[in-house]
Amino acid sequence: MNKKLMALAVAGVLAAPLVASADGTHVTIFGRLQAEYATVDIDGFNAQTAVSDDALQSRWGLQIAEDLGMGLRALGRIEYSLNPGGGEDKHLAREQWVGLGGDQWGELKFGRVQSPFKDFVGGHEIDPFAYTSLHANGSGGLMVSSNNGYGSGDHGFVNSAVRFDSPVVEGFSVAGLLMPGDADKNDPTGATRYNGTNVASALALGDGYAGGENGEWDFQVGAKYSGQFDAIGVDVFGGYSRDNASKFQKTFGVKDEQIWRGGAIFSVADFRLRGQYEYVIDANPFGGAASCTHAAAFGDAAGSVSMDGGRGQCNSAMNPNGNGSLWIAGVDYTIGNTMLVAQGGMAQANSTGGALEPFGAYAKRNVENITLGVVHNLSRRSSLFGGYQRVWVKDRNLAAGVDADRNVYTVGVRHDF
């Protein structure tokens, strides 16, 4: 009897929030679980195989909405990552924001959000293998995957941001993101890690902003059009991203990073043709386009080839303060519940002429990629995927005789809830 009363009491406590949520507020629990049996084989290193979720695709979270009347809604989202197959702690924060939505004017979000370059103008929308070992971000040498969240990194999110998404009007829609400043409020001078005597050490620690500065006003804008012309579906998009360097960074030659992106998707029945191109100007070495997310590099974003703490590469990264371009092109064909995918592309990091302290001069780096695979939907929520990816690296910055070409083989399962 006592056990039954205890069970009822616990059930009552757990049910209380659900009863409250029914009174105008709707809370949805959502998530995704994924595991891959993947082999990463970089020439010159031992092949590494694991059953895990290297791309940090698995997550759970809460989606919150309240109808305020007059077409206005209060919105919120809390999301954390998981790591099936791995014992280490991977419960990292993903999206976390609060906002307002209106039927006539769109949605406005405040907090930690995805960038428009990730989910609005191309990015993951153009890559069927996003969030897998075969993704086109970083590890595949395609698409900017910067650590500051402005790129298309699998685990890239923008902190302290405001994002606006418009409604779709006659097929047109726009999105914009603003990050007012990234100052370290606990130590605005950076004195705890930078004493003014060893600049190289401070920069190596990732403290290139030395506490940052408010009012940098980094931003990103994008627009797209979707339409149907007889049997042909057309999606065209373009965007611009600007990551402003702080005064401290500019003291050592760091410039404002700019990225231009454009692309399109054409579809006829079950066939799709897709492509994206982006040009990077003055890649920021501190979390910007001269870096990539840990998920993109499979756990280590330290350089072109690095097996310490990870098993991947950072092939989408540009040279510090350098320019470069990245493109991806692909086709896919759906037969019943199965999608066949073929895609590839190239990342080119231009050389940085002359010695620029503390970064030095970097030679040109080219990375080419081809990926073949299949995605089979078992249901609306569950799917199987697998395939092969080959990466050819021509990096003049590596020591003579070091071959960084790469093969990836994977098969995985994914379930949404």
Protein backbone atom coordinates (compact mmCIF):
# COMPACT_ATOMS: atom_id res chain seq x y z
CA MET A 1 0.00 0.00 0.00
CA ASN A 2 2.79 2.41 0.93
CA LYS A 3 4.53 1.63 -2.34
CA LYS A 4 1.37 2.43 -4.27
CA LEU A 5 0.93 5.73 -2.41
CA MET A 6 4.57 6.60 -3.06
CA ALA A 7 4.16 5.84 -6.77
CA LEU A 8 1.04 8.02 -6.92
CA ALA A 9 2.84 10.86 -5.14
CA VAL A 10 5.79 10.72 -7.55
CA ALA A 11 3.43 10.59 -10.52
CA GLY A 12 1.60 13.62 -9.17
CA VAL A 13 4.79 15.62 -8.82
CA LEU A 14 5.88 14.73 -12.35
CA ALA A 15 2.45 15.48 -13.76
CA ALA A 16 2.21 18.94 -12.17
CA PRO A 17 4.26 20.75 -14.85
CA LEU A 18 2.21 19.04 -17.57
CA VAL A 19 -1.03 20.30 -16.02
CA ALA A 20 0.45 23.82 -15.86
CA SER A 21 1.59 23.60 -19.45
CA ALA A 22 -1.94 22.82 -20.56
CA ASP A 23 -3.08 26.24 -19.38
CA GLY A 24 -1.96 28.28 -22.39
CA THR A 25 1.62 27.05 -22.59
CA HIS A 26 2.62 24.07 -24.73
CA VAL A 27 5.83 22.18 -23.94
CA THR A 28 7.07 19.57 -26.41
CA ILE A 29 9.82 17.09 -25.59
CA PHE A 30 11.87 16.28 -28.67
CA GLY A 31 15.15 14.62 -29.50
CA ARG A 32 17.28 12.49 -31.76
CA LEU A 33 19.47 9.45 -31.15
CA GLN A 34 22.13 8.37 -33.61
CA ALA A 35 25.03 5.95 -33.64
CA GLU A 36 27.49 5.08 -36.40
CA TYR A 37 29.95 2.29 -36.97
CA ALA A 38 32.55 4.43 -38.70
CA THR A 39 36.15 3.98 -39.80
CA VAL A 40 38.36 7.03 -40.35
CA ASP A 41 41.59 6.19 -42.19
CA ILE A 42 44.06 9.04 -42.75
CA ASP A 43 47.10 8.08 -44.82
CA GLY A 44 50.17 7.84 -42.63
CA PHE A 45 48.15 7.15 -39.44
CA ASN A 46 46.45 4.10 -37.99
CA ALA A 47 42.85 3.66 -39.08
CA GLN A 48 40.42 4.33 -36.23
CA THR A 49 37.03 2.64 -35.88
CA ALA A 50 34.36 3.35 -33.30
CA VAL A 51 30.66 3.07 -32.59
CA SER A 52 29.66 6.57 -31.52
CA ASP A 53 28.18 9.85 -32.66
CA ASP A 54 31.25 11.88 -33.66
CA ALA A 55 29.20 14.60 -35.34
CA LEU A 56 27.25 15.26 -32.11
CA GLN A 57 23.92 14.73 -33.83
CA SER A 58 22.14 13.16 -30.86
CA ARG A 59 20.25 15.58 -28.65
CA TRP A 60 17.18 16.13 -26.49
CA GLY A 61 15.32 19.27 -25.60
CA LEU A 62 12.15 21.21 -24.88
CA GLN A 63 10.23 23.40 -27.33
CA ILE A 64 8.00 25.93 -25.56
CA ALA A 65 5.19 28.05 -26.98
CA GLU A 66 2.36 30.16 -25.53
CA ASP A 67 -0.43 31.79 -27.49
CA LEU A 68 -0.61 35.45 -26.40
CA GLY A 69 -3.53 36.32 -28.64
CA MET A 70 -3.74 38.77 -31.54
CA GLY A 71 -1.53 36.44 -33.60
CA LEU A 72 1.40 36.78 -31.14
CA ARG A 73 3.28 33.86 -29.56
CA ALA A 74 5.90 33.51 -26.82
CA LEU A 75 8.56 30.98 -27.82
CA GLY A 76 11.49 29.19 -26.23
CA ARG A 77 13.89 26.32 -26.82
CA ILE A 78 16.33 24.39 -24.63
CA GLU A 79 18.52 21.71 -26.21
CA TYR A 80 21.48 19.54 -25.12
CA SER A 81 23.62 17.04 -27.02
CA LEU A 82 24.14 13.35 -26.19
CA ASN A 83 26.81 10.84 -27.20
CA PRO A 84 25.52 7.27 -27.71
CA GLY A 85 28.41 4.83 -27.76
CA GLY A 86 30.75 7.13 -25.83
CA GLY A 87 31.40 7.20 -22.11
CA GLU A 88 32.83 10.71 -21.99
CA ASP A 89 30.66 13.66 -21.05
CA LYS A 90 29.12 15.15 -24.19
CA HIS A 91 26.12 16.85 -22.61
CA LEU A 92 26.89 20.16 -24.28
CA ALA A 93 24.54 23.08 -24.72
CA ARG A 94 23.06 23.49 -28.19
CA GLU A 95 20.26 25.98 -28.89
CA GLN A 96 19.00 27.91 -25.88
CA TRP A 97 16.81 30.91 -26.59
CA VAL A 98 13.60 32.77 -25.79
CA GLY A 99 11.62 34.80 -28.28
CA LEU A 100 8.41 36.15 -29.80
CA GLY A 101 6.57 35.14 -32.95
CA GLY A 102 3.88 36.83 -35.03
CA ASP A 103 1.75 35.57 -37.89
CA GLN A 104 2.39 38.71 -39.91
CA TRP A 105 6.03 39.60 -39.13
CA GLY A 106 7.87 36.33 -38.31
CA GLU A 107 9.99 35.27 -35.32
CA LEU A 108 12.52 37.07 -33.12
CA LYS A 109 14.88 35.00 -30.93
CA PHE A 110 17.27 36.04 -28.14
CA GLY A 111 20.06 33.80 -26.80
CA ARG A 112 22.17 30.95 -28.23
CA VAL A 113 20.88 30.27 -31.74
CA GLN A 114 21.83 28.66 -35.04
CA SER A 115 23.21 30.94 -37.71
CA PRO A 116 21.27 31.55 -40.97
CA PHE A 117 24.31 30.05 -42.76
CA LYS A 118 23.55 26.76 -41.01
CA ASP A 119 19.81 26.24 -41.44
CA PHE A 120 18.44 28.97 -43.74
CA VAL A 121 20.68 29.79 -46.72
CA GLY A 122 22.20 26.46 -47.71
CA GLY A 123 24.36 24.84 -45.05
CA HIS A 124 22.72 21.72 -43.70
CA GLU A 125 19.75 22.15 -46.02
CA ILE A 126 21.97 21.34 -48.98
CA ASP A 127 23.76 18.32 -47.46
CA PRO A 128 21.80 15.04 -47.06
CA PHE A 129 24.64 13.70 -44.89
CA ALA A 130 24.67 16.63 -42.45
CA TYR A 131 25.34 15.43 -38.89
CA THR A 132 27.08 12.21 -39.97
CA SER A 133 30.68 11.13 -40.56
CA LEU A 134 30.07 11.84 -44.26
CA HIS A 135 29.08 15.47 -43.70
CA ALA A 136 30.36 18.27 -45.89
CA ASN A 137 31.39 20.47 -42.94
CA GLY A 138 35.05 20.66 -42.05
CA SER A 139 35.91 17.00 -42.18
CA GLY A 140 34.93 16.77 -45.82
CA GLY A 141 36.72 19.90 -46.93
CA LEU A 142 33.51 21.69 -47.89
CA MET A 143 31.54 24.54 -46.32
CA VAL A 144 32.82 26.87 -43.59
CA SER A 145 32.48 25.25 -40.17
CA SER A 146 33.83 27.93 -37.86
CA ASN A 147 33.95 27.60 -34.07
CA ASN A 148 32.23 30.96 -33.55
CA GLY A 149 29.00 29.43 -34.87
CA TYR A 150 28.69 31.67 -37.94
CA GLY A 151 29.37 28.80 -40.34
CA SER A 152 27.66 25.45 -40.89
CA GLY A 153 29.37 23.49 -38.12
CA ASP A 154 27.42 20.52 -36.80
CA HIS A 155 27.90 21.72 -33.24
CA GLY A 156 28.27 25.41 -34.07
CA PHE A 157 25.96 27.93 -32.38
CA VAL A 158 26.15 31.68 -31.93
CA ASN A 159 26.19 32.91 -28.33
CA SER A 160 24.67 36.21 -27.13
CA ALA A 161 22.74 36.71 -30.37
CA VAL A 162 19.51 38.13 -31.75
CA ARG A 163 17.98 36.39 -34.77
CA PHE A 164 15.04 37.37 -36.96
CA ASP A 165 13.21 35.13 -39.47
CA SER A 166 10.55 36.62 -41.71
CA PRO A 167 7.41 34.85 -42.93
CA VAL A 168 7.37 33.58 -46.51
CA VAL A 169 5.79 36.10 -48.88
CA GLU A 170 5.27 35.05 -52.51
CA GLY A 171 8.08 32.52 -52.11
CA PHE A 172 10.56 35.05 -50.65
CA SER A 173 11.91 35.06 -47.09
CA VAL A 174 14.82 36.65 -45.22
CA ALA A 175 16.75 35.99 -42.02
CA GLY A 176 19.24 38.05 -40.05
CA LEU A 177 21.48 37.56 -37.04
CA LEU A 178 23.20 40.13 -34.83
CA MET A 179 25.77 39.46 -32.11
CA PRO A 180 26.21 42.81 -30.29
CA GLY A 181 29.51 41.92 -28.58
CA ASP A 182 31.47 39.02 -27.10
CA ALA A 183 33.19 40.67 -24.14
CA ASP A 184 34.10 38.51 -21.14
CA LYS A 185 31.99 40.29 -18.50
CA ASN A 186 33.94 38.64 -15.67
CA ASP A 187 37.25 40.05 -16.85
CA PRO A 188 36.90 42.83 -19.44
CA THR A 189 40.64 43.55 -19.38
CA GLY A 190 41.73 39.95 -19.94
CA ALA A 191 44.30 40.42 -17.18
CA THR A 192 43.88 36.92 -15.78
CA ARG A 193 45.35 35.40 -18.93
CA TYR A 194 47.14 38.24 -20.69
CA ASN A 195 49.69 40.30 -18.78
CA GLY A 196 50.89 42.39 -21.73
CA THR A 197 54.30 40.71 -21.93
CA ASN A 198 53.65 37.55 -23.91
CA VAL A 199 51.28 38.22 -26.77
CA ALA A 200 52.01 34.94 -28.56
CA SER A 201 51.06 32.94 -25.47
CA ALA A 202 47.81 34.87 -25.06
CA LEU A 203 46.92 34.27 -28.70
CA ALA A 204 47.82 30.58 -28.51
CA LEU A 205 45.42 30.21 -25.57
CA GLY A 206 42.64 31.48 -27.79
CA ASP A 207 42.63 34.73 -25.83
CA GLY A 208 43.17 36.85 -28.91
CA TYR A 209 40.41 39.21 -27.86
CA ALA A 210 41.96 39.64 -24.35
CA GLY A 211 38.54 40.00 -22.79
CA GLY A 212 36.85 41.08 -25.99
CA GLU A 213 35.01 44.33 -26.48
CA ASN A 214 31.35 45.17 -26.50
CA GLY A 215 29.81 46.66 -29.60
CA GLU A 216 31.61 44.65 -32.26
CA TRP A 217 28.20 44.09 -33.86
CA ASP A 218 28.98 40.93 -35.80
CA PHE A 219 26.11 40.09 -38.15
CA GLN A 220 24.81 37.77 -40.83
CA VAL A 221 21.99 38.20 -43.37
CA GLY A 222 20.42 35.85 -45.88
CA ALA A 223 17.55 35.65 -48.36
CA LYS A 224 16.01 32.88 -50.40
CA TYR A 225 13.27 32.17 -52.91
CA SER A 226 11.32 28.95 -53.37
CA GLY A 227 9.03 28.37 -56.32
CA GLN A 228 7.48 25.71 -58.53
CA PHE A 229 7.56 26.12 -62.30
CA ASP A 230 5.53 23.34 -63.89
CA ALA A 231 7.44 20.16 -62.92
CA ILE A 232 10.60 21.98 -61.78
CA GLY A 233 11.08 23.11 -58.20
CA VAL A 234 13.57 25.97 -57.66
CA ASP A 235 15.25 27.14 -54.45
CA VAL A 236 17.75 29.99 -54.77
CA PHE A 237 19.59 31.54 -51.81
CA GLY A 238 22.37 33.96 -50.91
CA GLY A 239 23.93 35.44 -47.79
CA TYR A 240 26.61 37.62 -46.27
CA SER A 241 28.45 37.16 -42.95
CA ARG A 242 30.73 39.61 -41.13
CA ASP A 243 32.84 38.76 -38.07
CA ASN A 244 34.39 42.02 -36.85
CA ALA A 245 37.82 41.83 -35.22
CA SER A 246 38.26 43.49 -31.83
CA LYS A 247 40.66 46.38 -31.25
CA PHE A 248 43.10 43.99 -29.61
CA GLN A 249 43.02 41.63 -32.60
CA LYS A 250 43.50 44.51 -35.04
CA THR A 251 46.64 45.51 -33.14
CA PHE A 252 48.22 42.31 -34.45
CA GLY A 253 46.94 42.51 -38.00
CA VAL A 254 43.65 40.62 -37.69
CA LYS A 255 41.04 41.99 -40.10
CA ASP A 256 37.26 41.84 -40.23
CA GLU A 257 36.22 38.48 -41.70
CA GLN A 258 33.67 38.47 -44.53
CA ILE A 259 31.93 35.53 -46.21
CA TRP A 260 29.73 35.64 -49.31
CA ARG A 261 27.55 32.62 -50.08
CA GLY A 262 25.20 31.64 -52.88
CA GLY A 263 23.55 28.49 -54.15
CA ALA A 264 20.50 26.72 -55.56
CA ILE A 265 18.53 23.47 -55.52
CA PHE A 266 16.62 22.24 -58.57
CA SER A 267 14.20 19.33 -58.28
CA VAL A 268 12.22 17.33 -60.82
CA ALA A 269 10.02 14.58 -59.38
CA ASP A 270 12.39 12.40 -57.29
CA PHE A 271 15.61 13.91 -58.67
CA ARG A 272 17.50 16.85 -57.12
CA LEU A 273 20.51 18.84 -58.30
CA ARG A 274 22.11 21.13 -55.70
CA GLY A 275 25.13 23.37 -55.31
CA GLN A 276 26.64 26.03 -53.06
CA TYR A 277 29.61 28.39 -53.32
CA GLU A 278 31.15 30.62 -50.66
CA TYR A 279 34.07 33.02 -50.73
CA VAL A 280 35.96 33.91 -47.55
CA ILE A 281 37.86 37.19 -47.08
CA ASP A 282 40.38 37.67 -44.21
CA ALA A 283 39.58 34.51 -42.24
CA ASN A 284 39.53 35.20 -38.50
CA PRO A 285 41.91 32.83 -36.65
CA PHE A 286 39.99 33.06 -33.36
CA GLY A 287 36.96 30.87 -33.84
CA GLY A 288 36.26 32.15 -37.35
CA ALA A 289 36.81 30.66 -40.79
CA ALA A 290 40.41 29.75 -39.90
CA SER A 291 39.05 27.19 -37.41
CA CYS A 292 36.36 24.51 -37.36
CA THR A 293 34.06 22.85 -34.84
CA HIS A 294 35.14 19.81 -32.86
CA ALA A 295 32.33 17.81 -34.44
CA ALA A 296 33.55 18.74 -37.91
CA ALA A 297 37.05 17.54 -37.04
CA PHE A 298 35.73 14.48 -35.13
CA GLY A 299 36.92 15.74 -31.77
CA ASP A 300 39.98 17.84 -32.57
CA ALA A 301 40.05 21.11 -34.49
CA ALA A 302 43.75 21.75 -34.00
CA GLY A 303 44.90 21.70 -37.61
CA SER A 304 44.89 20.06 -41.03
CA VAL A 305 45.99 16.73 -39.57
CA SER A 306 45.74 16.06 -35.86
CA MET A 307 45.11 12.77 -34.12
CA ASP A 308 45.65 14.08 -30.57
CA GLY A 309 42.30 13.88 -28.83
CA GLY A 310 40.41 13.29 -32.05
CA ARG A 311 40.40 11.32 -35.29
CA GLY A 312 39.77 13.87 -37.96
CA GLN A 313 40.85 16.85 -40.01
CA CYS A 314 39.84 20.47 -40.26
CA ASN A 315 39.78 20.71 -44.03
CA SER A 316 37.29 23.55 -44.39
CA ALA A 317 39.50 25.99 -42.45
CA MET A 318 41.13 28.89 -44.26
CA ASN A 319 44.64 30.16 -43.50
CA PRO A 320 44.74 32.81 -40.72
CA ASN A 321 43.97 36.25 -42.18
CA GLY A 322 43.79 34.62 -45.62
CA ASN A 323 41.20 34.38 -48.38
CA GLY A 324 39.73 31.30 -49.98
CA SER A 325 36.73 29.59 -51.49
CA LEU A 326 34.61 26.49 -50.89
CA TRP A 327 32.02 24.78 -53.06
CA ILE A 328 29.82 21.71 -52.98
CA ALA A 329 27.76 20.09 -55.74
CA GLY A 330 25.62 16.99 -55.59
CA VAL A 331 22.74 14.94 -56.93
CA ASP A 332 20.31 12.62 -55.21
CA TYR A 333 17.56 10.34 -56.44
CA THR A 334 14.77 8.89 -54.30
CA ILE A 335 13.34 5.43 -55.00
CA GLY A 336 10.50 4.67 -52.61
CA ASN A 337 11.93 5.14 -49.12
CA THR A 338 15.56 5.13 -50.27
CA MET A 339 17.66 8.11 -51.34
CA LEU A 340 20.84 7.58 -53.38
CA VAL A 341 23.39 10.39 -52.92
CA ALA A 342 26.50 11.48 -54.83
CA GLN A 343 28.29 14.74 -54.01
CA GLY A 344 31.66 16.40 -53.86
CA GLY A 345 33.53 19.67 -53.97
CA MET A 346 36.65 21.55 -52.98
CA ALA A 347 38.05 23.91 -50.35
CA GLN A 348 40.90 26.21 -51.38
CA ALA A 349 42.81 28.21 -48.79
CA ASN A 350 44.95 30.84 -50.51
CA SER A 351 48.48 31.60 -49.33
CA THR A 352 49.15 34.55 -47.03
CA GLY A 353 52.11 36.39 -48.51
CA GLY A 354 54.78 37.67 -46.15
CA ALA A 355 55.31 36.98 -42.49
CA LEU A 356 52.50 38.28 -40.30
CA GLU A 357 53.28 37.93 -36.59
CA PRO A 358 52.19 36.12 -34.58
CA PHE A 359 50.59 33.96 -37.30
CA GLY A 360 53.42 33.71 -39.81
CA ALA A 361 53.01 33.03 -43.53
CA TYR A 362 50.94 30.11 -44.79
CA ALA A 363 51.17 28.34 -48.13
CA LYS A 364 48.23 27.40 -50.34
CA ARG A 365 46.08 24.38 -49.38
CA ASN A 366 43.65 22.51 -51.61
CA VAL A 367 41.22 19.83 -50.47
CA GLU A 368 38.99 17.82 -52.82
CA ASN A 369 36.20 15.50 -51.80
CA ILE A 370 33.78 12.92 -53.17
CA THR A 371 31.02 11.16 -51.22
CA LEU A 372 28.75 8.27 -52.23
CA GLY A 373 26.03 6.93 -49.98
CA VAL A 374 22.45 5.97 -49.27
CA VAL A 375 19.73 7.00 -46.79
CA HIS A 376 16.86 4.55 -46.20
CA ASN A 377 13.81 5.65 -44.21
CA LEU A 378 12.39 2.84 -42.11
CA SER A 379 9.56 5.14 -41.02
CA ARG A 380 8.87 8.85 -40.58
CA ARG A 381 11.17 8.88 -37.54
CA SER A 382 13.76 6.15 -38.09
CA SER A 383 16.36 5.76 -40.83
CA LEU A 384 19.49 3.88 -41.81
CA PHE A 385 22.39 5.50 -43.67
CA GLY A 386 25.81 4.56 -44.93
CA GLY A 387 28.45 5.36 -47.49
CA TYR A 388 32.02 6.18 -48.40
CA GLN A 389 33.95 9.44 -48.53
CA ARG A 390 37.36 10.13 -50.07
CA VAL A 391 39.33 13.31 -49.35
CA TRP A 392 42.46 14.37 -51.25
CA VAL A 393 44.62 16.91 -49.42
CA LYS A 394 47.33 19.04 -51.02
CA ASP A 395 48.71 21.04 -48.13
CA ARG A 396 52.03 22.77 -48.75
CA ASN A 397 52.23 23.63 -45.04
CA LEU A 398 52.74 19.99 -44.06
CA ALA A 399 56.19 18.46 -43.76
CA ALA A 400 57.54 16.79 -46.88
CA GLY A 401 56.33 13.23 -47.28
CA VAL A 402 53.27 13.63 -45.05
CA ASP A 403 50.20 12.32 -46.86
CA ALA A 404 46.93 13.53 -45.34
CA ASP A 405 44.47 11.91 -47.77
CA ARG A 406 41.52 10.38 -46.01
CA ASN A 407 38.96 7.55 -46.35
CA VAL A 408 35.76 7.34 -44.29
CA TYR A 409 33.44 4.32 -44.23
CA THR A 410 30.28 4.39 -42.15
CA VAL A 411 26.92 2.78 -41.51
CA GLY A 412 24.53 4.23 -38.95
CA VAL A 413 21.03 4.39 -37.54
CA ARG A 414 19.01 7.45 -36.48
CA HIS A 415 15.75 7.83 -34.57
CA ASP A 416 13.78 11.01 -33.92
CA PHE A 417 11.37 11.34 -31.03
